[in-house]
PDB file of all heavy atoms in Angstrom:
ATOM      1  N   LEU A   1       3.242  12.994   7.762  1.00  0.00           N
ATOM      2  CA  LEU A   1       2.253  12.155   8.434  1.00  0.00           C
ATOM      3  C   LEU A   1       2.919  11.016   9.201  1.00  0.00           C
ATOM      4  O   LEU A   1       2.392  10.548  10.206  1.00  0.00           O
ATOM      5  CB  LEU A   1       1.237  11.611   7.432  1.00  0.00           C
ATOM      6  CG  LEU A   1       0.348  12.680   6.794  1.00  0.00           C
ATOM      7  CD1 LEU A   1      -0.619  12.067   5.802  1.00  0.00           C
ATOM      8  CD2 LEU A   1      -0.407  13.471   7.838  1.00  0.00           C
ATOM      9  N   GLY A   2       4.093  10.584   8.744  1.00  0.00           N
ATOM     10  CA  GLY A   2       4.830   9.560   9.466  1.00  0.00           C
ATOM     11  C   GLY A   2       5.388  10.059  10.781  1.00  0.00           C
ATOM     12  O   GLY A   2       5.697   9.279  11.681  1.00  0.00           O
ATOM     13  N   ALA A   3       5.538  11.379  10.919  1.00  0.00           N
ATOM     14  CA  ALA A   3       6.086  11.956  12.149  1.00  0.00           C
ATOM     15  C   ALA A   3       5.055  12.007  13.277  1.00  0.00           C
ATOM     16  O   ALA A   3       5.423  12.245  14.423  1.00  0.00           O
ATOM     17  CB  ALA A   3       6.613  13.363  11.873  1.00  0.00           C
ATOM     18  N   VAL A   4       3.791  11.795  12.964  1.00  0.00           N
ATOM     19  CA  VAL A   4       2.760  11.780  14.006  1.00  0.00           C
ATOM     20  C   VAL A   4       2.979  10.535  14.865  1.00  0.00           C
ATOM     21  O   VAL A   4       3.037   9.421  14.333  1.00  0.00           O
ATOM     22  CB  VAL A   4       1.344  11.766  13.381  1.00  0.00           C
ATOM     23  CG1 VAL A   4       0.278  11.633  14.453  1.00  0.00           C
ATOM     24  CG2 VAL A   4       1.123  13.008  12.539  1.00  0.00           C
ATOM     25  N   PRO A   5       3.138  10.710  16.166  1.00  0.00           N
ATOM     26  CA  PRO A   5       3.399   9.543  17.020  1.00  0.00           C
ATOM     27  C   PRO A   5       2.303   8.485  16.901  1.00  0.00           C
ATOM     28  O   PRO A   5       1.123   8.798  16.799  1.00  0.00           O
ATOM     29  CB  PRO A   5       3.438  10.141  18.427  1.00  0.00           C
ATOM     30  CG  PRO A   5       3.798  11.577  18.215  1.00  0.00           C
ATOM     31  CD  PRO A   5       3.159  11.961  16.905  1.00  0.00           C
ATOM     32  N   ALA A   6       2.686   7.246  16.899  1.00  0.00           N
ATOM     33  CA  ALA A   6       1.841   6.044  16.859  1.00  0.00           C
ATOM     34  C   ALA A   6       1.118   5.888  15.520  1.00  0.00           C
ATOM     35  O   ALA A   6       1.424   4.968  14.767  1.00  0.00           O
ATOM     36  CB  ALA A   6       0.866   6.012  18.017  1.00  0.00           C
ATOM     37  N   LEU A   7       0.177   6.740  15.194  1.00  0.00           N
ATOM     38  CA  LEU A   7      -0.561   6.606  13.941  1.00  0.00           C
ATOM     39  C   LEU A   7       0.340   6.786  12.722  1.00  0.00           C
ATOM     40  O   LEU A   7       0.111   6.173  11.682  1.00  0.00           O
ATOM     41  CB  LEU A   7      -1.714   7.611  13.884  1.00  0.00           C
ATOM     42  CG  LEU A   7      -2.857   7.371  14.859  1.00  0.00           C
ATOM     43  CD1 LEU A   7      -3.882   8.483  14.756  1.00  0.00           C
ATOM     44  CD2 LEU A   7      -3.502   6.026  14.602  1.00  0.00           C
ATOM     45  N   GLY A   8       1.373   7.597  12.860  1.00  0.00           N
ATOM     46  CA  GLY A   8       2.295   7.822  11.762  1.00  0.00           C
ATOM     47  C   GLY A   8       3.049   6.569  11.366  1.00  0.00           C
ATOM     48  O   GLY A   8       3.361   6.377  10.194  1.00  0.00           O
ATOM     49  N   ASP A   9       3.320   5.713  12.333  1.00  0.00           N
ATOM     50  CA  ASP A   9       4.037   4.473  12.024  1.00  0.00           C
ATOM     51  C   ASP A   9       3.170   3.526  11.204  1.00  0.00           C
ATOM     52  O   ASP A   9       3.660   2.862  10.292  1.00  0.00           O
ATOM     53  CB  ASP A   9       4.502   3.803  13.316  1.00  0.00           C
ATOM     54  CG  ASP A   9       5.477   4.694  14.074  1.00  0.00           C
ATOM     55  OD1 ASP A   9       6.347   5.285  13.418  1.00  0.00           O
ATOM     56  OD2 ASP A   9       5.335   4.806  15.300  1.00  0.00           O
ATOM     57  N   VAL A  10       1.887   3.487  11.500  1.00  0.00           N
ATOM     58  CA  VAL A  10       0.956   2.671  10.710  1.00  0.00           C
ATOM     59  C   VAL A  10       0.836   3.259   9.302  1.00  0.00           C
ATOM     60  O   VAL A  10       0.861   2.528   8.305  1.00  0.00           O
ATOM     61  CB  VAL A  10      -0.428   2.589  11.398  1.00  0.00           C
ATOM     62  CG1 VAL A  10      -1.428   1.874  10.523  1.00  0.00           C
ATOM     63  CG2 VAL A  10      -0.297   1.916  12.755  1.00  0.00           C
ATOM     64  N   PHE A  11       0.735   4.585   9.229  1.00  0.00           N
ATOM     65  CA  PHE A  11       0.664   5.246   7.926  1.00  0.00           C
ATOM     66  C   PHE A  11       1.929   4.970   7.122  1.00  0.00           C
ATOM     67  O   PHE A  11       1.871   4.711   5.922  1.00  0.00           O
ATOM     68  CB  PHE A  11       0.462   6.752   8.103  1.00  0.00           C
ATOM     69  CG  PHE A  11       0.470   7.497   6.808  1.00  0.00           C
ATOM     70  CD1 PHE A  11      -0.652   7.523   6.006  1.00  0.00           C
ATOM     71  CD2 PHE A  11       1.616   8.151   6.371  1.00  0.00           C
ATOM     72  CE1 PHE A  11      -0.646   8.195   4.789  1.00  0.00           C
ATOM     73  CE2 PHE A  11       1.636   8.814   5.168  1.00  0.00           C
ATOM     74  CZ  PHE A  11       0.501   8.842   4.374  1.00  0.00           C
ATOM     75  N   ASP A  12       3.077   5.033   7.797  1.00  0.00           N
ATOM     76  CA  ASP A  12       4.358   4.786   7.138  1.00  0.00           C
ATOM     77  C   ASP A  12       4.408   3.404   6.494  1.00  0.00           C
ATOM     78  O   ASP A  12       4.983   3.234   5.417  1.00  0.00           O
ATOM     79  CB  ASP A  12       5.487   4.891   8.170  1.00  0.00           C
ATOM     80  CG  ASP A  12       6.527   5.916   7.786  1.00  0.00           C
ATOM     81  OD1 ASP A  12       6.433   6.467   6.681  1.00  0.00           O
ATOM     82  OD2 ASP A  12       7.434   6.153   8.598  1.00  0.00           O
ATOM     83  N   ALA A  13       3.833   2.419   7.154  1.00  0.00           N
ATOM     84  CA  ALA A  13       3.839   1.060   6.613  1.00  0.00           C
ATOM     85  C   ALA A  13       2.918   0.936   5.401  1.00  0.00           C
ATOM     86  O   ALA A  13       3.166   0.126   4.507  1.00  0.00           O
ATOM     87  CB  ALA A  13       3.419   0.061   7.690  1.00  0.00           C
ATOM     88  N   ALA A  14       1.861   1.749   5.354  1.00  0.00           N
ATOM     89  CA  ALA A  14       0.890   1.648   4.266  1.00  0.00           C
ATOM     90  C   ALA A  14       1.235   2.540   3.068  1.00  0.00           C
ATOM     91  O   ALA A  14       0.975   2.175   1.928  1.00  0.00           O
ATOM     92  CB  ALA A  14      -0.504   2.000   4.778  1.00  0.00           C
ATOM     93  N   TRP A  15       1.807   3.714   3.316  1.00  0.00           N
ATOM     94  CA  TRP A  15       2.110   4.675   2.259  1.00  0.00           C
ATOM     95  C   TRP A  15       3.474   4.330   1.678  1.00  0.00           C
ATOM     96  O   TRP A  15       4.493   4.469   2.328  1.00  0.00           O
ATOM     97  CB  TRP A  15       2.109   6.089   2.837  1.00  0.00           C
ATOM     98  CG  TRP A  15       2.352   7.167   1.848  1.00  0.00           C
ATOM     99  CD1 TRP A  15       3.531   7.818   1.618  1.00  0.00           C
ATOM    100  CD2 TRP A  15       1.405   7.764   0.968  1.00  0.00           C
ATOM    101  NE1 TRP A  15       3.376   8.762   0.654  1.00  0.00           N
ATOM    102  CE2 TRP A  15       2.086   8.764   0.235  1.00  0.00           C
ATOM    103  CE3 TRP A  15       0.051   7.550   0.720  1.00  0.00           C
ATOM    104  CZ2 TRP A  15       1.441   9.538  -0.723  1.00  0.00           C
ATOM    105  CZ3 TRP A  15      -0.573   8.331  -0.228  1.00  0.00           C
ATOM    106  CH2 TRP A  15       0.111   9.304  -0.940  1.00  0.00           C
ATOM    107  N   LYS A  16       3.504   3.880   0.458  1.00  0.00           N
ATOM    108  CA  LYS A  16       4.727   3.409  -0.201  1.00  0.00           C
ATOM    109  C   LYS A  16       5.285   4.512  -1.115  1.00  0.00           C
ATOM    110  O   LYS A  16       5.269   4.398  -2.333  1.00  0.00           O
ATOM    111  CB  LYS A  16       4.449   2.151  -1.011  1.00  0.00           C
ATOM    112  CG  LYS A  16       3.642   1.096  -0.295  1.00  0.00           C
ATOM    113  CD  LYS A  16       4.508   0.249   0.560  1.00  0.00           C
ATOM    114  CE  LYS A  16       3.695  -0.927   1.096  1.00  0.00           C
ATOM    115  NZ  LYS A  16       4.162  -1.395   2.335  1.00  0.00           N
ATOM    116  N   SER A  17       5.779   5.589  -0.514  1.00  0.00           N
ATOM    117  CA  SER A  17       6.228   6.739  -1.302  1.00  0.00           C
ATOM    118  C   SER A  17       7.408   6.400  -2.198  1.00  0.00           C
ATOM    119  O   SER A  17       7.491   6.893  -3.326  1.00  0.00           O
ATOM    120  CB  SER A  17       6.584   7.909  -0.383  1.00  0.00           C
ATOM    121  OG  SER A  17       7.695   7.601   0.425  1.00  0.00           O
ATOM    122  N   ASN A  18       8.315   5.583  -1.735  1.00  0.00           N
ATOM    123  CA  ASN A  18       9.487   5.245  -2.548  1.00  0.00           C
ATOM    124  C   ASN A  18       9.093   4.414  -3.765  1.00  0.00           C
ATOM    125  O   ASN A  18       9.602   4.637  -4.865  1.00  0.00           O
ATOM    126  CB  ASN A  18      10.518   4.506  -1.697  1.00  0.00           C
ATOM    127  CG  ASN A  18      10.971   5.360  -0.544  1.00  0.00           C
ATOM    128  OD1 ASN A  18      11.503   6.446  -0.737  1.00  0.00           O
ATOM    129  ND2 ASN A  18      10.739   4.889   0.668  1.00  0.00           N
ATOM    130  N   THR A  19       8.177   3.484  -3.576  1.00  0.00           N
ATOM    131  CA  THR A  19       7.695   2.677  -4.699  1.00  0.00           C
ATOM    132  C   THR A  19       6.967   3.563  -5.713  1.00  0.00           C
ATOM    133  O   THR A  19       7.147   3.401  -6.926  1.00  0.00           O
ATOM    134  CB  THR A  19       6.768   1.558  -4.182  1.00  0.00           C
ATOM    135  OG1 THR A  19       7.498   0.767  -3.237  1.00  0.00           O
ATOM    136  CG2 THR A  19       6.278   0.675  -5.302  1.00  0.00           C
ATOM    137  N   MET A  20       6.165   4.500  -5.215  1.00  0.00           N
ATOM    138  CA  MET A  20       5.474   5.425  -6.118  1.00  0.00           C
ATOM    139  C   MET A  20       6.474   6.284  -6.891  1.00  0.00           C
ATOM    140  O   MET A  20       6.308   6.527  -8.090  1.00  0.00           O
ATOM    141  CB  MET A  20       4.513   6.321  -5.325  1.00  0.00           C
ATOM    142  CG  MET A  20       3.303   5.599  -4.783  1.00  0.00           C
ATOM    143  SD  MET A  20       2.132   6.710  -3.996  1.00  0.00           S
ATOM    144  CE  MET A  20       2.800   6.800  -2.353  1.00  0.00           C
ATOM    145  N   ASN A  21       7.521   6.741  -6.195  1.00  0.00           N
ATOM    146  CA  ASN A  21       8.508   7.588  -6.858  1.00  0.00           C
ATOM    147  C   ASN A  21       9.307   6.820  -7.905  1.00  0.00           C
ATOM    148  O   ASN A  21       9.611   7.352  -8.974  1.00  0.00           O
ATOM    149  CB  ASN A  21       9.441   8.221  -5.826  1.00  0.00           C
ATOM    150  CG  ASN A  21       8.752   9.329  -5.060  1.00  0.00           C
ATOM    151  OD1 ASN A  21       7.705   9.818  -5.458  1.00  0.00           O
ATOM    152  ND2 ASN A  21       9.346   9.715  -3.956  1.00  0.00           N
ATOM    153  N   VAL A  22       9.639   5.577  -7.626  1.00  0.00           N
ATOM    154  CA  VAL A  22      10.348   4.763  -8.621  1.00  0.00           C
ATOM    155  C   VAL A  22       9.439   4.522  -9.826  1.00  0.00           C
ATOM    156  O   VAL A  22       9.898   4.554 -10.972  1.00  0.00           O
ATOM    157  CB  VAL A  22      10.844   3.441  -8.001  1.00  0.00           C
ATOM    158  CG1 VAL A  22      11.330   2.479  -9.066  1.00  0.00           C
ATOM    159  CG2 VAL A  22      11.961   3.726  -7.002  1.00  0.00           C
ATOM    160  N   ALA A  23       8.150   4.300  -9.584  1.00  0.00           N
ATOM    161  CA  ALA A  23       7.210   4.125 -10.702  1.00  0.00           C
ATOM    162  C   ALA A  23       7.151   5.387 -11.560  1.00  0.00           C
ATOM    163  O   ALA A  23       7.116   5.302 -12.802  1.00  0.00           O
ATOM    164  CB  ALA A  23       5.828   3.763 -10.178  1.00  0.00           C
ATOM    165  N   LEU A  24       7.152   6.563 -10.927  1.00  0.00           N
ATOM    166  CA  LEU A  24       7.160   7.816 -11.687  1.00  0.00           C
ATOM    167  C   LEU A  24       8.439   7.942 -12.513  1.00  0.00           C
ATOM    168  O   LEU A  24       8.402   8.341 -13.677  1.00  0.00           O
ATOM    169  CB  LEU A  24       7.035   9.017 -10.738  1.00  0.00           C
ATOM    170  CG  LEU A  24       5.673   9.242 -10.099  1.00  0.00           C
ATOM    171  CD1 LEU A  24       5.767  10.296  -9.009  1.00  0.00           C
ATOM    172  CD2 LEU A  24       4.655   9.644 -11.151  1.00  0.00           C
ATOM    173  N   LEU A  25       9.558   7.595 -11.916  1.00  0.00           N
ATOM    174  CA  LEU A  25      10.838   7.660 -12.626  1.00  0.00           C
ATOM    175  C   LEU A  25      10.863   6.680 -13.792  1.00  0.00           C
ATOM    176  O   LEU A  25      11.262   7.040 -14.906  1.00  0.00           O
ATOM    177  CB  LEU A  25      11.991   7.377 -11.657  1.00  0.00           C
ATOM    178  CG  LEU A  25      13.388   7.300 -12.262  1.00  0.00           C
ATOM    179  CD1 LEU A  25      13.768   8.620 -12.924  1.00  0.00           C
ATOM    180  CD2 LEU A  25      14.403   6.923 -11.199  1.00  0.00           C
ATOM    181  N   GLU A  26      10.423   5.453 -13.551  1.00  0.00           N
ATOM    182  CA  GLU A  26      10.426   4.449 -14.619  1.00  0.00           C
ATOM    183  C   GLU A  26       9.469   4.827 -15.743  1.00  0.00           C
ATOM    184  O   GLU A  26       9.754   4.590 -16.916  1.00  0.00           O
ATOM    185  CB  GLU A  26      10.080   3.072 -14.060  1.00  0.00           C
ATOM    186  CG  GLU A  26      11.189   2.485 -13.235  1.00  0.00           C
ATOM    187  CD  GLU A  26      10.835   1.149 -12.603  1.00  0.00           C
ATOM    188  OE1 GLU A  26       9.627   0.839 -12.470  1.00  0.00           O
ATOM    189  OE2 GLU A  26      11.772   0.415 -12.241  1.00  0.00           O
ATOM    190  N   ARG A  27       8.336   5.421 -15.395  1.00  0.00           N
ATOM    191  CA  ARG A  27       7.387   5.861 -16.417  1.00  0.00           C
ATOM    192  C   ARG A  27       8.018   6.930 -17.303  1.00  0.00           C
ATOM    193  O   ARG A  27       7.854   6.930 -18.512  1.00  0.00           O
ATOM    194  CB  ARG A  27       6.120   6.396 -15.748  1.00  0.00           C
ATOM    195  CG  ARG A  27       4.971   6.571 -16.704  1.00  0.00           C
ATOM    196  CD  ARG A  27       3.676   6.961 -15.999  1.00  0.00           C
ATOM    197  NE  ARG A  27       3.407   6.120 -14.843  1.00  0.00           N
ATOM    198  CZ  ARG A  27       3.026   6.595 -13.651  1.00  0.00           C
ATOM    199  NH1 ARG A  27       2.845   7.874 -13.464  1.00  0.00           N
ATOM    200  NH2 ARG A  27       2.799   5.769 -12.652  1.00  0.00           N
ATOM    201  N   HIS A  28       8.770   7.830 -16.678  1.00  0.00           N
ATOM    202  CA  HIS A  28       9.449   8.867 -17.454  1.00  0.00           C
ATOM    203  C   HIS A  28      10.524   8.265 -18.357  1.00  0.00           C
ATOM    204  O   HIS A  28      10.645   8.640 -19.522  1.00  0.00           O
ATOM    205  CB  HIS A  28      10.086   9.900 -16.523  1.00  0.00           C
ATOM    206  CG  HIS A  28      11.075  10.783 -17.198  1.00  0.00           C
ATOM    207  ND1 HIS A  28      10.708  11.761 -18.097  1.00  0.00           N
ATOM    208  CD2 HIS A  28      12.430  10.813 -17.152  1.00  0.00           C
ATOM    209  CE1 HIS A  28      11.791  12.358 -18.561  1.00  0.00           C
ATOM    210  NE2 HIS A  28      12.850  11.805 -18.001  1.00  0.00           N
ATOM    211  N   LEU A  29      11.297   7.326 -17.819  1.00  0.00           N
ATOM    212  CA  LEU A  29      12.371   6.727 -18.602  1.00  0.00           C
ATOM    213  C   LEU A  29      11.846   5.854 -19.734  1.00  0.00           C
ATOM    214  O   LEU A  29      12.489   5.734 -20.779  1.00  0.00           O
ATOM    215  CB  LEU A  29      13.295   5.909 -17.700  1.00  0.00           C
ATOM    216  CG  LEU A  29      14.109   6.712 -16.683  1.00  0.00           C
ATOM    217  CD1 LEU A  29      14.860   5.777 -15.758  1.00  0.00           C
ATOM    218  CD2 LEU A  29      15.046   7.682 -17.374  1.00  0.00           C
ATOM    219  N   ALA A  30      10.673   5.242 -19.537  1.00  0.00           N
ATOM    220  CA  ALA A  30      10.107   4.361 -20.554  1.00  0.00           C
ATOM    221  C   ALA A  30       9.363   5.119 -21.644  1.00  0.00           C
ATOM    222  O   ALA A  30       9.168   4.589 -22.741  1.00  0.00           O
ATOM    223  CB  ALA A  30       9.154   3.356 -19.907  1.00  0.00           C
ATOM    224  N   ALA A  31       8.956   6.357 -21.356  1.00  0.00           N
ATOM    225  CA  ALA A  31       8.183   7.123 -22.333  1.00  0.00           C
ATOM    226  C   ALA A  31       9.083   7.505 -23.504  1.00  0.00           C
ATOM    227  O   ALA A  31      10.202   7.961 -23.317  1.00  0.00           O
ATOM    228  CB  ALA A  31       7.610   8.379 -21.685  1.00  0.00           C
ATOM    229  N   PRO A  32       8.568   7.302 -24.728  1.00  0.00           N
ATOM    230  CA  PRO A  32       9.370   7.704 -25.884  1.00  0.00           C
ATOM    231  C   PRO A  32       9.477   9.228 -25.934  1.00  0.00           C
ATOM    232  O   PRO A  32       8.499   9.941 -25.702  1.00  0.00           O
ATOM    233  CB  PRO A  32       8.577   7.160 -27.081  1.00  0.00           C
ATOM    234  CG  PRO A  32       7.183   7.017 -26.578  1.00  0.00           C
ATOM    235  CD  PRO A  32       7.286   6.744 -25.102  1.00  0.00           C
ATOM    236  N   ALA A  33      10.649   9.701 -26.187  1.00  0.00           N
ATOM    237  CA  ALA A  33      10.874  11.149 -26.253  1.00  0.00           C
ATOM    238  C   ALA A  33      10.445  11.645 -27.631  1.00  0.00           C
ATOM    239  O   ALA A  33      11.248  11.751 -28.550  1.00  0.00           O
ATOM    240  CB  ALA A  33      12.330  11.472 -25.995  1.00  0.00           C
ATOM    241  N   SER A  34       9.141  11.924 -27.769  1.00  0.00           N
ATOM    242  CA  SER A  34       8.628  12.356 -29.066  1.00  0.00           C
ATOM    243  C   SER A  34       9.096  13.766 -29.402  1.00  0.00           C
ATOM    244  O   SER A  34       9.466  14.043 -30.526  1.00  0.00           O
ATOM    245  CB  SER A  34       7.103  12.288 -29.072  1.00  0.00           C
ATOM    246  OG  SER A  34       6.579  13.083 -28.031  1.00  0.00           O
ATOM    247  N   THR A  35       9.075  14.643 -28.432  1.00  0.00           N
ATOM    248  CA  THR A  35       9.571  15.989 -28.656  1.00  0.00           C
ATOM    249  C   THR A  35      10.655  16.258 -27.627  1.00  0.00           C
ATOM    250  O   THR A  35      10.468  16.005 -26.442  1.00  0.00           O
ATOM    251  CB  THR A  35       8.447  17.036 -28.495  1.00  0.00           C
ATOM    252  OG1 THR A  35       7.916  16.926 -27.179  1.00  0.00           O
ATOM    253  CG2 THR A  35       7.359  16.845 -29.514  1.00  0.00           C
ATOM    254  N   PRO A  36      11.774  16.748 -28.085  1.00  0.00           N
ATOM    255  CA  PRO A  36      12.827  17.018 -27.123  1.00  0.00           C
ATOM    256  C   PRO A  36      12.395  18.127 -26.171  1.00  0.00           C
ATOM    257  O   PRO A  36      12.077  19.233 -26.589  1.00  0.00           O
ATOM    258  CB  PRO A  36      14.023  17.444 -27.986  1.00  0.00           C
ATOM    259  CG  PRO A  36      13.457  17.815 -29.303  1.00  0.00           C
ATOM    260  CD  PRO A  36      12.151  17.096 -29.435  1.00  0.00           C
ATOM    261  N   GLY A  37      12.319  17.800 -24.918  1.00  0.00           N
ATOM    262  CA  GLY A  37      11.890  18.767 -23.925  1.00  0.00           C
ATOM    263  C   GLY A  37      12.982  19.765 -23.628  1.00  0.00           C
ATOM    264  O   GLY A  37      14.140  19.598 -23.996  1.00  0.00           O
ATOM    265  N   ARG A  38      12.575  20.832 -22.981  1.00  0.00           N
ATOM    266  CA  ARG A  38      13.537  21.842 -22.602  1.00  0.00           C
ATOM    267  C   ARG A  38      14.438  21.269 -21.517  1.00  0.00           C
ATOM    268  O   ARG A  38      13.961  20.777 -20.501  1.00  0.00           O
ATOM    269  CB  ARG A  38      12.791  23.072 -22.076  1.00  0.00           C
ATOM    270  CG  ARG A  38      13.685  24.241 -21.824  1.00  0.00           C
ATOM    271  CD  ARG A  38      12.904  25.302 -21.152  1.00  0.00           C
ATOM    272  NE  ARG A  38      12.583  24.765 -19.806  1.00  0.00           N
ATOM    273  CZ  ARG A  38      12.030  25.448 -18.850  1.00  0.00           C
ATOM    274  NH1 ARG A  38      11.668  26.676 -19.064  1.00  0.00           N
ATOM    275  NH2 ARG A  38      11.784  24.935 -17.674  1.00  0.00           N
ATOM    276  N   ARG A  39      15.724  21.313 -21.729  1.00  0.00           N
ATOM    277  CA  ARG A  39      16.668  20.802 -20.730  1.00  0.00           C
ATOM    278  C   ARG A  39      16.769  21.829 -19.620  1.00  0.00           C
ATOM    279  O   ARG A  39      16.984  22.997 -19.862  1.00  0.00           O
ATOM    280  CB  ARG A  39      18.037  20.558 -21.357  1.00  0.00           C
ATOM    281  CG  ARG A  39      18.062  19.364 -22.272  1.00  0.00           C
ATOM    282  CD  ARG A  39      19.441  19.148 -22.838  1.00  0.00           C
ATOM    283  NE  ARG A  39      20.448  19.017 -21.802  1.00  0.00           N
ATOM    284  CZ  ARG A  39      20.973  17.873 -21.414  1.00  0.00           C
ATOM    285  NH1 ARG A  39      20.576  16.754 -21.968  1.00  0.00           N
ATOM    286  NH2 ARG A  39      21.896  17.827 -20.483  1.00  0.00           N
ATOM    287  N   HIS A  40      16.576  21.356 -18.406  1.00  0.00           N
ATOM    288  CA  HIS A  40      16.709  22.280 -17.293  1.00  0.00           C
ATOM    289  C   HIS A  40      18.081  22.133 -16.664  1.00  0.00           C
ATOM    290  O   HIS A  40      18.775  21.151 -16.871  1.00  0.00           O
ATOM    291  CB  HIS A  40      15.593  22.075 -16.271  1.00  0.00           C
ATOM    292  CG  HIS A  40      15.393  20.656 -15.845  1.00  0.00           C
ATOM    293  ND1 HIS A  40      14.527  19.815 -16.490  1.00  0.00           N
ATOM    294  CD2 HIS A  40      15.973  19.929 -14.860  1.00  0.00           C
ATOM    295  CE1 HIS A  40      14.563  18.625 -15.914  1.00  0.00           C
ATOM    296  NE2 HIS A  40      15.432  18.673 -14.929  1.00  0.00           N
TER     297      HIS A  40
END
């Protein structure tokens, strides 16, 4: 959506994908490992 000329730049400023991804990563790291998951 950021690649769409003009409107994509406005979308890019509003859509914080990197912040969302860091939040997902931090949520995973903060979660207690109650059951050892399958290592991929």
